[in-house]
Amino acid sequence: MNEELHSRVCPAELSGSLDNSFRRIFQNPVKILKPFIEKGMTVLDLGCGPGFFSIDISKMVTSSGKVISADLQEKMLERINRKITGTDSEKIIELHKCETDKVGVTEKVDFVLAFWMIHEVPDKQKLFIELKSILKSAAKILIVEPKFHVKKDEFENMIKILEKTGFEIIGRPGVSISRAVLLSVRSFAG
């Protein structure tokens, strides 16, 4: 991992702050994602960290669905693997290690969750173009950023990049201590 990227990414050693029962009170994965995720979907949990959302998503999509838990850090993926080994989620969650400058998932997905991680990406437009290429036609993407890291104007600038890349805003769900936007690929009438 290059030094600039390393300084942006939340280290695996601090993953306990991302995955605990206290956080679940304020950011319950099921409450946040229930309106968007259905049984049988393929969901990409991008920057999944220690799996705070991935495990609940696996229960929502059930055995007819799939969760691709993608992270740049092998240690984060190891933490999820330890949690799911021997559980029903083990059959539903596929662990995927991202490259430094590329997600690298080629499977088409119904939904992408990017929770508290876009601010860590140096080339956001490149990421959004890659995500657009793997979305199914009716797919949605939920981007949630922490208010304490991402100022309102930074968040709005990120949305402008998304719109320039071909996404359109379809909602702004409320998520505790966060800024959130729900998007789909812009459809062109023709």
Protein backbone atom coordinates (compact mmCIF):
# COMPACT_ATOMS: atom_id res chain seq x y z
CA MET A 1 0.00 0.00 0.00
CA ASN A 2 1.52 3.34 -0.94
CA GLU A 3 2.11 5.90 1.81
CA GLU A 4 -0.57 8.41 0.67
CA LEU A 5 -3.23 5.72 0.53
CA HIS A 6 -2.07 4.18 3.81
CA SER A 7 -2.55 7.53 5.58
CA ARG A 8 -6.16 7.73 4.28
CA VAL A 9 -7.36 4.20 5.16
CA CYS A 10 -8.64 3.29 8.61
CA PRO A 11 -6.13 0.71 9.86
CA ALA A 12 -7.33 -2.77 10.75
CA GLU A 13 -5.95 -2.26 14.26
CA LEU A 14 -8.76 0.28 14.86
CA SER A 15 -11.50 -1.95 13.44
CA GLY A 16 -12.99 -2.54 16.88
CA SER A 17 -14.31 1.03 16.77
CA LEU A 18 -16.19 0.10 13.58
CA ASP A 19 -17.68 -3.13 14.87
CA ASN A 20 -19.23 -3.01 18.30
CA SER A 21 -22.60 -3.15 20.03
CA PHE A 22 -22.47 0.56 20.92
CA ARG A 23 -22.29 1.53 17.23
CA ARG A 24 -25.19 -0.82 16.50
CA ILE A 25 -27.42 1.40 18.67
CA PHE A 26 -26.82 4.42 16.41
CA GLN A 27 -26.24 2.66 13.10
CA ASN A 28 -28.22 -0.54 13.03
CA PRO A 29 -27.40 -2.24 9.70
CA VAL A 30 -30.85 -3.78 9.28
CA LYS A 31 -32.69 -0.50 9.95
CA ILE A 32 -30.42 1.39 7.53
CA LEU A 33 -30.49 -1.18 4.73
CA LYS A 34 -33.95 -2.79 4.99
CA PRO A 35 -35.52 -0.37 2.46
CA PHE A 36 -32.91 -1.26 -0.18
CA ILE A 37 -31.92 -4.92 0.17
CA GLU A 38 -34.11 -7.87 -0.73
CA LYS A 39 -33.83 -11.63 -0.62
CA GLY A 40 -31.84 -13.00 -3.57
CA MET A 41 -29.85 -9.85 -4.31
CA THR A 42 -26.12 -9.69 -4.99
CA VAL A 43 -24.71 -6.94 -2.79
CA LEU A 44 -21.25 -5.41 -2.82
CA ASP A 45 -20.17 -4.18 0.62
CA LEU A 46 -17.32 -1.96 -0.51
CA GLY A 47 -14.73 -1.16 2.11
CA CYS A 48 -16.43 -3.72 4.31
CA GLY A 49 -13.91 -3.39 7.13
CA PRO A 50 -14.47 -6.01 9.84
CA GLY A 51 -17.91 -6.94 8.46
CA PHE A 52 -20.21 -4.74 10.54
CA PHE A 53 -22.70 -4.58 7.64
CA SER A 54 -21.74 -7.72 5.67
CA ILE A 55 -23.06 -10.24 8.16
CA ASP A 56 -26.46 -8.57 8.50
CA ILE A 57 -26.66 -8.15 4.73
CA SER A 58 -26.03 -11.89 4.32
CA LYS A 59 -29.08 -12.56 6.50
CA MET A 60 -31.16 -10.14 4.44
CA VAL A 61 -30.27 -11.63 1.04
CA THR A 62 -30.56 -15.18 2.47
CA SER A 63 -29.08 -18.26 0.83
CA SER A 64 -30.55 -17.24 -2.54
CA GLY A 65 -28.39 -14.10 -2.54
CA LYS A 66 -24.76 -13.20 -2.24
CA VAL A 67 -22.62 -10.62 -0.46
CA ILE A 68 -19.26 -9.61 -1.87
CA SER A 69 -17.32 -8.19 1.07
CA ALA A 70 -14.52 -6.19 -0.50
CA ASP A 71 -11.69 -4.45 1.30
CA LEU A 72 -8.19 -3.24 0.57
CA GLN A 73 -6.78 -4.69 3.78
CA GLU A 74 -6.26 -8.42 4.16
CA LYS A 75 -6.51 -8.09 7.96
CA MET A 76 -10.08 -6.76 7.65
CA LEU A 77 -11.05 -9.72 5.48
CA GLU A 78 -9.43 -12.10 7.97
CA ARG A 79 -11.61 -10.62 10.72
CA ILE A 80 -14.79 -11.25 8.75
CA ASN A 81 -13.61 -14.74 7.89
CA ARG A 82 -13.13 -15.58 11.57
CA LYS A 83 -16.65 -14.33 12.37
CA ILE A 84 -18.43 -16.24 9.61
CA THR A 85 -16.53 -19.53 9.69
CA GLY A 86 -19.00 -22.28 10.55
CA THR A 87 -22.09 -20.05 10.18
CA ASP A 88 -24.75 -19.78 7.46
CA SER A 89 -23.16 -16.49 6.39
CA GLU A 90 -20.02 -18.35 5.32
CA LYS A 91 -21.91 -19.75 2.30
CA ILE A 92 -23.33 -16.35 1.34
CA ILE A 93 -20.36 -14.01 1.87
CA GLU A 94 -17.54 -14.00 -0.66
CA LEU A 95 -14.41 -12.21 0.53
CA HIS A 96 -12.65 -10.06 -2.06
CA LYS A 97 -9.36 -8.21 -1.70
CA CYS A 98 -9.29 -4.97 -3.67
CA GLU A 99 -6.22 -3.72 -5.44
CA THR A 100 -4.65 -0.39 -4.46
CA ASP A 101 -6.30 1.49 -7.33
CA LYS A 102 -9.11 -0.84 -8.36
CA VAL A 103 -11.98 -2.72 -6.72
CA GLY A 104 -11.57 -5.60 -9.18
CA VAL A 105 -15.06 -7.08 -8.83
CA THR A 106 -16.48 -8.07 -12.21
CA GLU A 107 -19.72 -9.75 -11.14
CA LYS A 108 -22.86 -7.67 -11.74
CA VAL A 109 -24.50 -6.49 -8.52
CA ASP A 110 -27.94 -5.24 -7.46
CA PHE A 111 -26.75 -2.95 -4.70
CA VAL A 112 -23.51 -1.34 -3.53
CA LEU A 113 -22.96 -0.14 0.01
CA ALA A 114 -20.02 2.23 0.47
CA PHE A 115 -20.18 3.11 4.16
CA TRP A 116 -17.62 5.55 5.60
CA MET A 117 -15.01 4.77 2.95
CA ILE A 118 -15.32 6.99 -0.14
CA HIS A 119 -13.37 9.77 1.59
CA GLU A 120 -10.41 7.35 1.70
CA VAL A 121 -10.31 6.98 -2.10
CA PRO A 122 -7.88 9.31 -3.92
CA ASP A 123 -9.46 9.00 -7.41
CA LYS A 124 -13.20 9.02 -6.80
CA GLN A 125 -14.17 9.40 -10.45
CA LYS A 126 -12.20 6.29 -11.40
CA LEU A 127 -13.94 4.37 -8.61
CA PHE A 128 -17.40 5.57 -9.68
CA ILE A 129 -16.77 4.59 -13.31
CA GLU A 130 -15.71 1.12 -12.16
CA LEU A 131 -18.78 0.75 -9.91
CA LYS A 132 -21.07 1.88 -12.73
CA SER A 133 -19.67 -0.91 -14.92
CA ILE A 134 -20.75 -3.64 -12.49
CA LEU A 135 -24.23 -2.38 -11.62
CA LYS A 136 -27.26 -4.24 -12.96
CA SER A 137 -29.77 -2.03 -14.77
CA ALA A 138 -32.01 -1.31 -11.75
CA ALA A 139 -29.17 -1.31 -9.21
CA LYS A 140 -28.67 1.28 -6.53
CA ILE A 141 -25.68 2.54 -4.61
CA LEU A 142 -25.78 3.93 -1.08
CA ILE A 143 -22.88 6.14 -0.08
CA VAL A 144 -22.59 7.14 3.56
CA GLU A 145 -19.79 9.35 4.85
CA PRO A 146 -18.98 10.36 8.43
CA LYS A 147 -19.80 13.99 9.27
CA PHE A 148 -16.68 14.21 11.42
CA HIS A 149 -14.42 13.44 8.40
CA VAL A 150 -16.37 14.83 5.47
CA LYS A 151 -17.64 18.40 5.43
CA LYS A 152 -20.90 19.22 3.65
CA ASP A 153 -19.16 20.93 0.70
CA GLU A 154 -16.82 17.95 0.25
CA PHE A 155 -19.82 15.62 0.21
CA GLU A 156 -21.63 17.78 -2.35
CA ASN A 157 -18.47 17.87 -4.53
CA MET A 158 -18.39 14.05 -4.40
CA ILE A 159 -22.02 14.00 -5.56
CA LYS A 160 -21.11 16.29 -8.48
CA ILE A 161 -18.47 13.75 -9.53
CA LEU A 162 -21.08 10.99 -9.29
CA GLU A 163 -23.51 12.98 -11.45
CA LYS A 164 -20.78 13.72 -13.98
CA THR A 165 -20.08 9.97 -14.08
CA GLY A 166 -23.72 9.19 -14.94
CA PHE A 167 -25.42 8.68 -11.59
CA GLU A 168 -28.56 10.42 -10.37
CA ILE A 169 -29.72 11.06 -6.83
CA ILE A 170 -32.84 9.13 -5.89
CA GLY A 171 -32.77 9.80 -2.16
CA ARG A 172 -30.94 11.18 0.82
CA PRO A 173 -31.64 8.76 3.67
CA GLY A 174 -30.97 9.89 7.20
CA VAL A 175 -28.10 8.02 8.86
CA SER A 176 -26.87 8.95 12.33
CA ILE A 177 -23.70 11.12 12.44
CA SER A 178 -23.38 10.77 8.67
CA ARG A 179 -24.14 12.26 5.28
CA ALA A 180 -25.86 9.83 2.92
CA VAL A 181 -26.99 9.66 -0.68
CA LEU A 182 -28.81 6.94 -2.63
CA LEU A 183 -28.12 6.82 -6.34
CA SER A 184 -28.88 4.89 -9.48
CA VAL A 185 -27.41 5.02 -12.95
CA ARG A 186 -29.06 7.83 -14.89
CA SER A 187 -31.44 6.49 -17.49
CA PHE A 188 -31.57 8.26 -20.79
CA ALA A 189 -34.85 8.31 -22.64
CA GLY A 190 -34.20 7.60 -26.23
